[in-house]
Amino acid sequence: MCHDHDSRPPAPPRTGDVAERGTLTLTSADGTEFSAAYAAPATAARTGVVILPDIRGLHPYYVALAERFAEAGLAAVAIDWFGRTAGLCPEPGTRGEDFDWQPHIPQTTPEGIDADVTAAIGYLRERGGADLPVIVVGFCFGGSHAWRLAGGTLDLAGAAGFYGRPSLVGDAASRAHLPTVMLIAGADKATPVEEQQRLAETMRAAGAEVDAVVYDGAPHSFFDRAFGEWADACADAWRHVLALADRVAAGSGRAG
């Protein structure tokens, strides 16, 4: 599991006002309703971000992370994985500490995830303009799928993942074409660093530009404001993700 129930993301290195925040319901093309959270900056967003959570779905950590991205000047949507099997999140719109995710994760499919990400991209562009470049940023289970989407066909401009599993990326690694950030915990007990580095090489061989960063000694889930000893790693991880966002914004003509 990526985070404790009370975990919250660290602050980004640049901050501004948040104009809008809250939870909502989105609908995929197949008619599935799923829960999400949205946050927008007070200034016009240069880039949109779809946040892919860990195995627990739309945990409060990811609602807070959407707000952190908005503070950094990006519009963000964090999605829940489980609309097809567990329905919408109960009030206040997030998965609770007692949510049993274990029977639901095996029922997720790449096709369902892609449909939900597509709906989130559509919402961001509905709010921010049809030309808004969008990246995905994922964690653990979501990090794996962010890397997978770097080799997919969705209308994305980049992908970043924390502590993903190469086995979930599968054959998509050999089709990777989007600029990708891999944020690797050096002491990750869930996935060996060497496996993630091999994935990076496979993706580079396919043509993707891959920024793979290893934080020596950092544990799985180090991106947490409570982990004071990893504050420098958290700040550096933010810089790599925001550099990707700024890069795709500049490519779209939206650089601030």
Protein backbone atom coordinates (compact mmCIF):
# COMPACT_ATOMS: atom_id res chain seq x y z
CA MET A 1 0.00 0.00 0.00
CA CYS A 2 1.38 3.41 -0.94
CA HIS A 3 0.30 5.56 1.96
CA ASP A 4 -1.29 5.54 5.40
CA HIS A 5 -4.85 6.84 5.57
CA ASP A 6 -3.61 10.12 7.02
CA SER A 7 -0.80 10.61 4.48
CA ARG A 8 -0.77 13.77 2.40
CA PRO A 9 1.47 14.88 -0.48
CA PRO A 10 4.35 17.31 -0.02
CA ALA A 11 4.02 20.89 -1.23
CA PRO A 12 5.24 21.72 -4.75
CA PRO A 13 8.22 24.04 -5.21
CA ARG A 14 6.03 26.77 -6.69
CA THR A 15 2.67 27.81 -5.31
CA GLY A 16 -0.25 29.95 -6.34
CA ASP A 17 -3.91 30.31 -5.56
CA VAL A 18 -6.41 27.52 -6.19
CA ALA A 19 -9.61 28.75 -7.81
CA GLU A 20 -11.64 25.54 -7.65
CA ARG A 21 -11.53 22.21 -5.85
CA GLY A 22 -13.96 19.40 -5.17
CA THR A 23 -15.15 15.91 -6.04
CA LEU A 24 -17.38 15.04 -8.97
CA THR A 25 -18.70 12.18 -11.09
CA LEU A 26 -17.41 11.50 -14.59
CA THR A 27 -18.85 9.13 -17.21
CA SER A 28 -16.79 6.95 -19.54
CA ALA A 29 -17.76 6.26 -23.13
CA ASP A 30 -19.13 2.86 -22.08
CA GLY A 31 -21.56 4.57 -19.69
CA THR A 32 -19.63 3.82 -16.50
CA GLU A 33 -19.90 6.49 -13.84
CA PHE A 34 -16.86 6.90 -11.62
CA SER A 35 -15.74 9.27 -8.90
CA ALA A 36 -13.05 11.88 -9.42
CA ALA A 37 -11.61 15.01 -7.86
CA TYR A 38 -10.85 18.25 -9.71
CA ALA A 39 -8.72 21.25 -8.83
CA ALA A 40 -7.86 24.28 -10.93
CA PRO A 41 -5.44 27.18 -10.49
CA ALA A 42 -6.53 30.80 -10.29
CA THR A 43 -4.52 31.53 -13.44
CA ALA A 44 -5.07 29.84 -16.79
CA ALA A 45 -3.66 26.32 -16.67
CA ARG A 46 -0.74 25.56 -18.97
CA THR A 47 -1.08 21.79 -18.64
CA GLY A 48 -3.63 19.29 -17.40
CA VAL A 49 -2.84 16.29 -15.22
CA VAL A 50 -4.76 13.04 -14.79
CA ILE A 51 -3.71 11.52 -11.45
CA LEU A 52 -3.73 7.72 -11.30
CA PRO A 53 -3.93 6.56 -7.66
CA ASP A 54 -2.62 3.49 -5.92
CA ILE A 55 -4.63 0.35 -5.29
CA ARG A 56 -7.04 2.08 -2.92
CA GLY A 57 -8.55 4.31 -5.58
CA LEU A 58 -9.63 7.87 -4.85
CA HIS A 59 -8.04 8.17 -1.41
CA PRO A 60 -7.96 11.64 0.26
CA TYR A 61 -4.21 11.76 -0.52
CA TYR A 62 -5.03 12.08 -4.23
CA VAL A 63 -7.70 14.73 -3.71
CA ALA A 64 -5.04 16.72 -1.87
CA LEU A 65 -2.53 16.01 -4.64
CA ALA A 66 -4.92 17.45 -7.24
CA GLU A 67 -4.95 20.64 -5.17
CA ARG A 68 -1.14 20.62 -4.99
CA PHE A 69 -0.96 20.49 -8.77
CA ALA A 70 -3.41 23.38 -8.96
CA GLU A 71 -1.15 25.34 -6.61
CA ALA A 72 1.65 24.70 -9.10
CA GLY A 73 -0.44 26.12 -11.96
CA LEU A 74 -1.86 22.93 -13.49
CA ALA A 75 -5.46 21.74 -13.75
CA ALA A 76 -5.80 18.26 -12.27
CA VAL A 77 -8.26 15.38 -12.17
CA ALA A 78 -7.67 12.42 -9.85
CA ILE A 79 -9.73 9.36 -10.76
CA ASP A 80 -11.10 6.35 -8.90
CA TRP A 81 -10.52 2.88 -10.36
CA PHE A 82 -13.67 1.16 -9.21
CA GLY A 83 -16.77 2.62 -10.84
CA ARG A 84 -17.44 -0.63 -12.69
CA THR A 85 -17.21 -2.92 -9.66
CA ALA A 86 -17.77 -0.84 -6.51
CA GLY A 87 -19.84 2.06 -7.80
CA LEU A 88 -19.29 5.66 -6.84
CA CYS A 89 -17.35 6.65 -3.75
CA PRO A 90 -19.56 7.35 -0.74
CA GLU A 91 -19.71 10.79 0.86
CA PRO A 92 -17.51 12.84 1.00
CA GLY A 93 -16.61 11.43 -2.42
CA THR A 94 -13.50 9.41 -1.53
CA ARG A 95 -12.68 5.82 -0.56
CA GLY A 96 -12.65 5.33 3.19
CA GLU A 97 -10.03 3.66 5.32
CA ASP A 98 -12.22 0.54 5.53
CA PHE A 99 -12.66 0.14 1.76
CA ASP A 100 -11.71 -3.40 0.71
CA TRP A 101 -9.90 -2.85 -2.57
CA GLN A 102 -8.56 -6.40 -2.87
CA PRO A 103 -11.47 -7.98 -4.78
CA HIS A 104 -11.72 -4.99 -7.09
CA ILE A 105 -8.17 -4.49 -8.36
CA PRO A 106 -8.12 -7.86 -10.20
CA GLN A 107 -11.30 -6.79 -12.02
CA THR A 108 -9.75 -3.66 -13.50
CA THR A 109 -8.70 -3.89 -17.13
CA PRO A 110 -6.45 -1.74 -19.31
CA GLU A 111 -9.45 -1.04 -21.53
CA GLY A 112 -11.55 0.19 -18.62
CA ILE A 113 -8.70 2.29 -17.26
CA ASP A 114 -8.10 3.82 -20.68
CA ALA A 115 -11.79 4.69 -20.98
CA ASP A 116 -11.78 6.41 -17.61
CA VAL A 117 -8.56 8.30 -18.37
CA THR A 118 -10.09 9.42 -21.66
CA ALA A 119 -13.10 10.79 -19.80
CA ALA A 120 -10.78 12.66 -17.43
CA ILE A 121 -8.82 14.11 -20.36
CA GLY A 122 -12.11 15.22 -21.89
CA TYR A 123 -13.17 16.95 -18.69
CA LEU A 124 -9.86 18.81 -18.40
CA ARG A 125 -10.17 20.05 -21.98
CA GLU A 126 -13.81 20.96 -21.50
CA ARG A 127 -12.69 23.23 -18.67
CA GLY A 128 -9.30 24.35 -20.01
CA GLY A 129 -9.61 24.40 -23.79
CA ALA A 130 -9.44 21.83 -26.55
CA ASP A 131 -5.71 22.39 -27.03
CA LEU A 132 -4.77 21.78 -23.37
CA PRO A 133 -1.83 19.33 -23.25
CA VAL A 134 -2.45 16.58 -20.69
CA ILE A 135 -0.07 14.26 -18.88
CA VAL A 136 -0.70 11.35 -16.52
CA VAL A 137 0.97 11.02 -13.12
CA GLY A 138 0.54 7.74 -11.27
CA PHE A 139 1.54 6.02 -8.05
CA CYS A 140 2.25 2.30 -7.50
CA PHE A 141 -0.60 0.59 -9.43
CA GLY A 142 -1.26 3.94 -11.07
CA GLY A 143 2.43 4.47 -11.76
CA SER A 144 2.50 1.20 -13.64
CA HIS A 145 -0.41 2.28 -15.80
CA ALA A 146 1.10 5.72 -16.37
CA TRP A 147 4.17 4.03 -17.85
CA ARG A 148 1.91 1.70 -19.87
CA LEU A 149 0.09 4.71 -21.30
CA ALA A 150 3.41 6.06 -22.58
CA GLY A 151 3.08 3.31 -25.19
CA GLY A 152 -0.65 3.68 -25.72
CA THR A 153 -2.88 5.56 -28.12
CA LEU A 154 -4.63 8.05 -25.83
CA ASP A 155 -4.27 11.76 -26.57
CA LEU A 156 -1.61 12.40 -23.94
CA ALA A 157 1.54 14.51 -24.02
CA GLY A 158 3.60 12.70 -21.37
CA ALA A 159 3.61 10.26 -18.48
CA ALA A 160 5.16 10.14 -15.02
CA GLY A 161 5.06 7.29 -12.54
CA PHE A 162 6.17 6.69 -8.98
CA TYR A 163 7.15 3.16 -7.88
CA GLY A 164 5.48 1.24 -10.68
CA ARG A 165 5.67 -2.45 -11.58
CA PRO A 166 7.19 -3.22 -14.98
CA SER A 167 5.13 -6.41 -15.20
CA LEU A 168 1.97 -4.30 -15.49
CA VAL A 169 3.44 -2.26 -18.33
CA GLY A 170 3.83 -5.35 -20.46
CA ASP A 171 4.21 -5.11 -24.22
CA ALA A 172 3.36 -1.40 -24.16
CA ALA A 173 6.98 -0.74 -23.18
CA SER A 174 8.09 -1.75 -26.68
CA ARG A 175 5.72 0.86 -28.13
CA ALA A 176 6.63 3.71 -25.77
CA HIS A 177 6.76 7.08 -27.52
CA LEU A 178 5.76 9.72 -24.98
CA PRO A 179 8.27 11.58 -22.82
CA THR A 180 8.27 9.66 -19.56
CA VAL A 181 9.43 10.25 -16.00
CA MET A 182 10.22 7.28 -13.75
CA LEU A 183 10.60 8.13 -10.05
CA ILE A 184 12.19 5.10 -8.43
CA ALA A 185 12.50 4.43 -4.71
CA GLY A 186 15.97 2.98 -4.17
CA ALA A 187 14.83 0.81 -1.24
CA ASP A 188 11.53 -0.25 -2.82
CA LYS A 189 10.77 -3.74 -1.54
CA ALA A 190 7.84 -4.15 -3.92
CA THR A 191 9.81 -3.87 -7.17
CA PRO A 192 13.59 -4.15 -7.56
CA VAL A 193 15.30 -1.05 -8.92
CA GLU A 194 16.99 -3.16 -11.60
CA GLU A 195 13.61 -4.16 -13.06
CA GLN A 196 12.57 -0.55 -13.37
CA GLN A 197 15.87 0.42 -14.96
CA ARG A 198 15.48 -2.39 -17.51
CA LEU A 199 12.00 -1.06 -18.28
CA ALA A 200 13.48 2.39 -18.86
CA GLU A 201 15.95 0.92 -21.36
CA THR A 202 13.18 -0.94 -23.19
CA MET A 203 11.15 2.25 -23.45
CA ARG A 204 14.15 4.23 -24.68
CA ALA A 205 14.83 1.58 -27.31
CA ALA A 206 11.25 2.03 -28.49
CA GLY A 207 11.85 5.74 -28.99
CA ALA A 208 10.60 7.35 -25.78
CA GLU A 209 12.67 9.91 -23.92
CA VAL A 210 12.85 8.53 -20.40
CA ASP A 211 13.95 10.51 -17.35
CA ALA A 212 14.58 7.77 -14.77
CA VAL A 213 15.61 8.95 -11.31
CA VAL A 214 16.62 6.65 -8.46
CA TYR A 215 16.38 7.99 -4.91
CA ASP A 216 18.93 5.91 -3.07
CA GLY A 217 17.61 4.49 0.18
CA ALA A 218 14.12 5.91 -0.26
CA PRO A 219 11.24 3.56 0.59
CA HIS A 220 8.18 2.78 -1.47
CA SER A 221 5.76 5.69 -0.86
CA PHE A 222 8.47 8.22 0.05
CA PHE A 223 6.46 11.03 -1.62
CA ASP A 224 4.75 11.98 1.63
CA ARG A 225 5.01 15.19 3.59
CA ALA A 226 5.33 13.17 6.82
CA PHE A 227 8.64 11.69 5.64
CA GLY A 228 10.87 14.58 6.70
CA GLU A 229 14.03 12.63 5.99
CA TRP A 230 12.98 12.38 2.33
CA ALA A 231 12.04 16.03 1.91
CA ASP A 232 14.87 16.62 -0.56
CA ALA A 233 13.80 13.60 -2.61
CA CYS A 234 10.20 14.84 -2.61
CA ALA A 235 11.28 18.29 -3.78
CA ASP A 236 13.42 16.77 -6.52
CA ALA A 237 10.58 14.49 -7.64
CA TRP A 238 8.31 17.51 -7.92
CA ARG A 239 10.93 19.25 -10.07
CA HIS A 240 11.10 16.32 -12.50
CA VAL A 241 7.31 16.07 -12.83
CA LEU A 242 6.83 19.81 -13.25
CA ALA A 243 9.65 19.93 -15.79
CA LEU A 244 7.69 17.41 -17.86
CA ALA A 245 4.53 19.49 -17.50
CA ASP A 246 6.37 22.69 -18.48
CA ARG A 247 7.95 20.96 -21.45
CA VAL A 248 4.65 19.83 -22.93
CA ALA A 249 3.14 23.24 -22.22
CA ALA A 250 5.94 24.93 -24.13
CA GLY A 251 5.41 22.54 -27.02
CA SER A 252 1.76 23.52 -27.17
CA GLY A 253 2.45 27.24 -26.99
CA ARG A 254 0.99 27.49 -23.48
CA ALA A 255 4.21 28.21 -21.57
CA GLY A 256 3.79 30.89 -18.96
